[in-house]
């Protein structure tokens, strides 16, 4: 789109669309696009909650707040992945975007994103601040990585070592039970207490590592076209089961760092 930002470093290009939910719309490494294309895809920010929120409701100090059910019977992925963000800084390798939290979210605040690109890494930071009230919040990223970016590249491999898997109920939300990690296909939340660390590999071309200091990651690979690896600050429905409160004096800050190397460099 006309207002897209383009970050470049060596043979890497990252495209960001401020008007399309502040999402990363493309990541081209060595001439190969790694992200699924389309208005719903790329890699979008999740805030002020991640994944599904049971019945679109959460409670703060006995007050029940109801949100729109955009994935009936639940609300999903926050409120900032659509609509426009304001660009406050942009250069060849860096960009900063901000977005106000407003209705249907019941608390005044702001979400900030920072992007920084180098030859071998993309760093994305997110910060949620409150103007006045105390409220629970989560932040995370929802990238759609292509299974096969080119016909000559093998289907992507996924490697990670979670401590446990959150048992998924029939409503696609964690039941509260921890179970041993199971093989895919997945639409599941995993715990990595030492920090998210997931490796995607497209032989014989590229290896990409997704890291975050957060301890939760959702993997989704039930579609033919793409695989999602979603580092986030809490599990699905976490506003209710594991709330992390934001106040004016205590914002929520998090980041994810993607690094990559060509397979021949490490073979």
Protein backbone atom coordinates (compact mmCIF):
# COMPACT_ATOMS: atom_id res chain seq x y z
CA UNK A 1 0.00 0.00 0.00
CA UNK A 2 1.08 3.59 -0.59
CA UNK A 3 2.01 4.32 3.02
CA UNK A 4 3.93 1.10 3.66
CA UNK A 5 7.33 1.45 5.30
CA UNK A 6 10.29 -0.48 3.93
CA UNK A 7 13.30 -1.34 6.07
CA UNK A 8 16.41 -2.65 4.31
CA UNK A 9 19.73 -4.15 5.41
CA UNK A 10 22.04 -5.99 3.01
CA UNK A 11 19.84 -8.52 1.13
CA UNK A 12 16.93 -8.27 3.61
CA UNK A 13 13.74 -6.21 3.28
CA UNK A 14 11.00 -5.86 5.88
CA UNK A 15 7.72 -4.16 4.91
CA UNK A 16 5.39 -2.62 7.51
CA UNK A 17 1.85 -1.37 6.88
CA UNK A 18 0.78 1.33 9.37
CA UNK A 19 -2.74 1.47 7.93
CA UNK A 20 -3.21 -2.32 8.02
CA UNK A 21 -2.97 -2.82 11.75
CA UNK A 22 0.71 -1.93 12.04
CA UNK A 23 1.59 -5.36 10.76
CA UNK A 24 4.73 -6.69 9.14
CA UNK A 25 3.46 -7.46 5.64
CA UNK A 26 6.63 -8.97 4.25
CA UNK A 27 10.07 -10.30 5.14
CA UNK A 28 12.27 -10.97 2.10
CA UNK A 29 15.64 -12.60 2.78
CA UNK A 30 17.99 -13.18 -0.15
CA UNK A 31 15.14 -12.61 -2.58
CA UNK A 32 12.74 -15.06 -0.89
CA UNK A 33 9.51 -13.92 0.78
CA UNK A 34 8.96 -15.84 4.02
CA UNK A 35 5.55 -14.49 5.09
CA UNK A 36 2.16 -15.41 3.68
CA UNK A 37 0.72 -12.49 1.73
CA UNK A 38 -2.72 -10.93 2.14
CA UNK A 39 -4.50 -8.46 4.39
CA UNK A 40 -5.09 -11.09 7.12
CA UNK A 41 -1.56 -12.44 7.14
CA UNK A 42 2.04 -11.23 7.31
CA UNK A 43 2.78 -10.85 11.02
CA UNK A 44 0.37 -8.83 13.14
CA UNK A 45 0.59 -7.47 16.69
CA UNK A 46 -1.70 -8.95 19.34
CA UNK A 47 -2.73 -6.48 22.08
CA UNK A 48 -4.17 -5.87 24.62
CA UNK A 49 -4.74 -9.63 24.69
CA UNK A 50 -3.47 -12.65 22.76
CA UNK A 51 -5.41 -15.52 21.28
CA UNK A 52 -8.93 -16.37 22.42
CA UNK A 53 -10.65 -14.66 25.35
CA UNK A 54 -13.42 -16.84 26.75
CA UNK A 55 -16.86 -15.48 25.76
CA UNK A 56 -15.17 -12.12 25.12
CA UNK A 57 -15.31 -11.31 28.85
CA UNK A 58 -12.86 -10.42 31.57
CA UNK A 59 -13.25 -9.06 35.09
CA UNK A 60 -11.42 -6.26 36.88
CA UNK A 61 -12.27 -5.58 40.52
CA UNK A 62 -15.63 -7.40 40.21
CA UNK A 63 -16.56 -5.38 37.09
CA UNK A 64 -17.28 -7.60 34.09
CA UNK A 65 -16.25 -6.19 30.71
CA UNK A 66 -17.77 -7.55 27.49
CA UNK A 67 -15.96 -7.37 24.15
CA UNK A 68 -17.16 -8.12 20.64
CA UNK A 69 -17.16 -11.82 19.72
CA UNK A 70 -15.05 -11.70 16.56
CA UNK A 71 -14.37 -15.46 16.75
CA UNK A 72 -17.66 -16.74 18.24
CA UNK A 73 -18.09 -17.73 20.99
CA UNK A 74 -14.88 -15.88 21.87
CA UNK A 75 -13.01 -12.63 21.20
CA UNK A 76 -9.61 -13.16 19.60
CA UNK A 77 -6.21 -11.48 19.12
CA UNK A 78 -6.88 -8.06 20.65
CA UNK A 79 -8.07 -4.81 19.08
CA UNK A 80 -5.03 -3.33 17.31
CA UNK A 81 -4.41 -5.72 14.38
CA UNK A 82 -6.74 -3.71 12.14
CA UNK A 83 -7.05 0.01 11.59
CA UNK A 84 -4.34 2.63 11.37
CA UNK A 85 -1.24 3.22 13.47
CA UNK A 86 0.68 6.49 13.63
CA UNK A 87 4.30 6.48 12.47
CA UNK A 88 6.43 8.47 14.91
CA UNK A 89 9.85 7.53 13.58
CA UNK A 90 11.14 5.90 10.39
CA UNK A 91 14.57 5.39 8.85
CA UNK A 92 16.23 2.85 6.57
CA UNK A 93 16.52 0.26 9.35
CA UNK A 94 14.16 1.42 12.14
CA UNK A 95 10.52 2.38 12.64
CA UNK A 96 8.27 3.25 15.57
CA UNK A 97 4.47 3.12 15.46
CA UNK A 98 1.84 3.97 18.08
CA UNK A 99 -1.86 3.25 18.45
CA UNK A 100 -4.33 4.44 21.08
CA UNK A 101 -6.38 1.90 22.97
CA UNK A 102 -10.00 2.89 22.57
CA UNK A 103 -13.45 1.30 22.30
CA UNK A 104 -14.35 -1.50 22.39
CA UNK A 105 -11.43 -1.80 24.85
CA UNK A 106 -12.75 -0.17 28.06
CA UNK A 107 -9.49 1.40 29.32
CA UNK A 108 -7.52 4.35 27.95
CA UNK A 109 -3.95 3.61 26.98
CA UNK A 110 -1.50 3.19 24.14
CA UNK A 111 0.35 0.46 22.30
CA UNK A 112 3.77 1.18 20.85
CA UNK A 113 5.74 -0.95 18.38
CA UNK A 114 9.42 -0.64 17.49
CA UNK A 115 11.08 -2.43 14.58
CA UNK A 116 14.83 -2.67 13.97
CA UNK A 117 16.35 -4.56 11.03
CA UNK A 118 19.94 -5.67 10.53
CA UNK A 119 21.60 -8.06 8.10
CA UNK A 120 20.88 -11.10 10.25
CA UNK A 121 18.10 -10.04 12.66
CA UNK A 122 14.74 -8.36 13.05
CA UNK A 123 13.93 -7.07 16.52
CA UNK A 124 10.33 -6.16 17.35
CA UNK A 125 9.37 -4.53 20.64
CA UNK A 126 5.91 -3.80 22.02
CA UNK A 127 4.83 -1.66 24.96
CA UNK A 128 1.37 -1.23 26.47
CA UNK A 129 0.80 1.79 28.69
CA UNK A 130 -2.18 2.98 30.73
CA UNK A 131 -3.34 6.58 30.94
CA UNK A 132 -5.03 6.26 34.33
CA UNK A 133 -6.53 2.88 35.20
CA UNK A 134 -5.21 -0.48 36.24
CA UNK A 135 -6.07 -3.16 33.66
CA UNK A 136 -4.91 -6.64 32.62
CA UNK A 137 -3.08 -6.88 29.32
CA UNK A 138 -1.08 -9.17 27.06
CA UNK A 139 1.14 -8.54 24.04
CA UNK A 140 2.42 -10.84 21.34
CA UNK A 141 3.03 -11.46 17.65
CA UNK A 142 1.18 -13.65 15.14
CA UNK A 143 3.40 -14.36 12.13
CA UNK A 144 2.27 -16.51 9.20
CA UNK A 145 5.38 -18.22 7.79
CA UNK A 146 5.05 -19.87 4.40
CA UNK A 147 5.52 -23.62 4.46
CA UNK A 148 7.25 -23.58 1.07
CA UNK A 149 8.38 -20.11 0.01
CA UNK A 150 9.71 -21.53 -3.29
CA UNK A 151 9.10 -24.77 -5.19
CA UNK A 152 12.76 -25.81 -4.76
CA UNK A 153 12.63 -25.44 -0.96
CA UNK A 154 11.49 -28.27 1.30
CA UNK A 155 8.46 -27.93 3.59
CA UNK A 156 9.39 -26.01 6.72
CA UNK A 157 10.60 -27.91 9.75
CA UNK A 158 9.79 -26.75 13.28
CA UNK A 159 12.07 -27.48 16.25
CA UNK A 160 11.50 -26.49 19.87
CA UNK A 161 11.65 -28.02 23.36
CA UNK A 162 8.72 -26.86 25.50
CA UNK A 163 8.46 -27.79 29.16
CA UNK A 164 4.80 -28.66 28.74
CA UNK A 165 1.73 -28.18 26.60
CA UNK A 166 -1.44 -26.55 27.85
CA UNK A 167 -4.23 -29.09 27.39
CA UNK A 168 -6.70 -27.71 24.86
CA UNK A 169 -10.40 -28.07 25.52
CA UNK A 170 -13.18 -28.49 22.98
CA UNK A 171 -13.58 -24.69 23.01
CA UNK A 172 -9.91 -24.30 21.92
CA UNK A 173 -8.97 -22.76 25.28
CA UNK A 174 -6.55 -24.21 27.85
CA UNK A 175 -8.28 -26.40 30.43
CA UNK A 176 -5.72 -25.54 33.11
CA UNK A 177 -4.06 -28.96 32.87
CA UNK A 178 -0.41 -29.35 31.86
CA UNK A 179 0.35 -32.29 29.58
CA UNK A 180 3.50 -33.63 27.88
CA UNK A 181 4.09 -31.97 24.49
CA UNK A 182 2.28 -33.76 21.69
CA UNK A 183 3.10 -33.86 17.98
CA UNK A 184 1.13 -31.66 15.59
CA UNK A 185 -1.01 -30.64 13.90
CA UNK A 186 -1.29 -27.84 16.47
CA UNK A 187 -3.48 -24.99 17.53
CA UNK A 188 -1.92 -25.15 20.97
CA UNK A 189 -0.12 -23.20 23.65
CA UNK A 190 3.25 -24.37 24.97
CA UNK A 191 5.29 -23.22 27.96
CA UNK A 192 8.99 -22.38 27.67
CA UNK A 193 9.95 -21.05 31.14
CA UNK A 194 13.45 -20.10 30.01
CA UNK A 195 12.07 -17.98 27.17
CA UNK A 196 10.54 -18.74 23.80
CA UNK A 197 13.04 -20.37 21.44
CA UNK A 198 11.72 -21.94 18.22
CA UNK A 199 13.67 -22.75 15.06
CA UNK A 200 12.14 -22.87 11.58
CA UNK A 201 14.20 -24.42 8.78
CA UNK A 202 13.62 -24.44 5.03
CA UNK A 203 16.22 -26.82 3.58
CA UNK A 204 18.44 -26.24 1.77
CA UNK A 205 18.08 -22.47 2.07
CA UNK A 206 17.47 -20.87 5.43
CA UNK A 207 17.23 -21.36 9.17
CA UNK A 208 15.26 -18.79 11.22
CA UNK A 209 15.20 -18.64 15.01
CA UNK A 210 12.39 -16.95 16.96
CA UNK A 211 13.23 -15.91 20.51
CA UNK A 212 11.49 -13.91 23.21
CA UNK A 213 11.94 -13.50 26.97
CA UNK A 214 8.27 -14.49 27.35
CA UNK A 215 7.45 -18.03 28.45
CA UNK A 216 4.44 -18.72 26.23
CA UNK A 217 4.22 -19.63 22.55
CA UNK A 218 1.26 -20.75 20.45
CA UNK A 219 1.91 -22.93 17.41
CA UNK A 220 -0.69 -23.19 14.67
CA UNK A 221 -0.07 -25.41 11.65
CA UNK A 222 -3.52 -26.60 10.63
CA UNK A 223 -3.46 -24.77 7.29
CA UNK A 224 -1.73 -25.98 4.14
CA UNK A 225 -0.15 -22.65 3.26
CA UNK A 226 1.55 -21.48 6.45
CA UNK A 227 2.79 -22.15 9.98
CA UNK A 228 2.35 -19.69 12.85
CA UNK A 229 4.78 -19.35 15.78
CA UNK A 230 3.33 -16.82 18.22
CA UNK A 231 5.44 -15.62 21.18
CA UNK A 232 3.20 -13.92 23.73
CA UNK A 233 3.22 -12.62 27.29
CA UNK A 234 0.48 -14.94 28.51
CA UNK A 235 -1.59 -17.96 27.46
CA UNK A 236 -4.94 -17.79 25.69
CA UNK A 237 -7.67 -16.48 28.03
CA UNK A 238 -4.87 -15.20 30.24
CA UNK A 239 -6.70 -11.96 31.08
CA UNK A 240 -8.88 -14.20 33.22
CA UNK A 241 -6.55 -17.00 34.32
CA UNK A 242 -3.17 -15.27 34.64
CA UNK A 243 -3.67 -11.48 34.53
CA UNK A 244 -0.66 -9.19 34.28
CA UNK A 245 -1.85 -5.72 35.28
CA UNK A 246 -0.68 -2.54 33.58
CA UNK A 247 -0.70 0.77 35.48
CA UNK A 248 0.56 4.25 34.54
CA UNK A 249 3.72 3.50 36.52
CA UNK A 250 4.15 -0.08 35.28
CA UNK A 251 3.72 -0.61 31.51
CA UNK A 252 3.98 -4.00 29.86
CA UNK A 253 7.11 -4.25 27.71
CA UNK A 254 8.17 -7.23 25.65
CA UNK A 255 10.09 -8.15 22.52
CA UNK A 256 10.80 -10.87 20.00
CA UNK A 257 14.00 -11.28 18.02
CA UNK A 258 14.15 -13.21 14.76
CA UNK A 259 17.61 -14.21 13.55
CA UNK A 260 18.52 -16.15 10.44
CA UNK A 261 21.38 -17.81 8.62
CA UNK A 262 21.71 -19.59 5.32
CA UNK A 263 21.89 -23.34 5.76
CA UNK A 264 25.19 -23.60 3.86
CA UNK A 265 26.77 -21.25 6.43
CA UNK A 266 26.15 -23.76 9.23
CA UNK A 267 26.27 -27.10 7.42
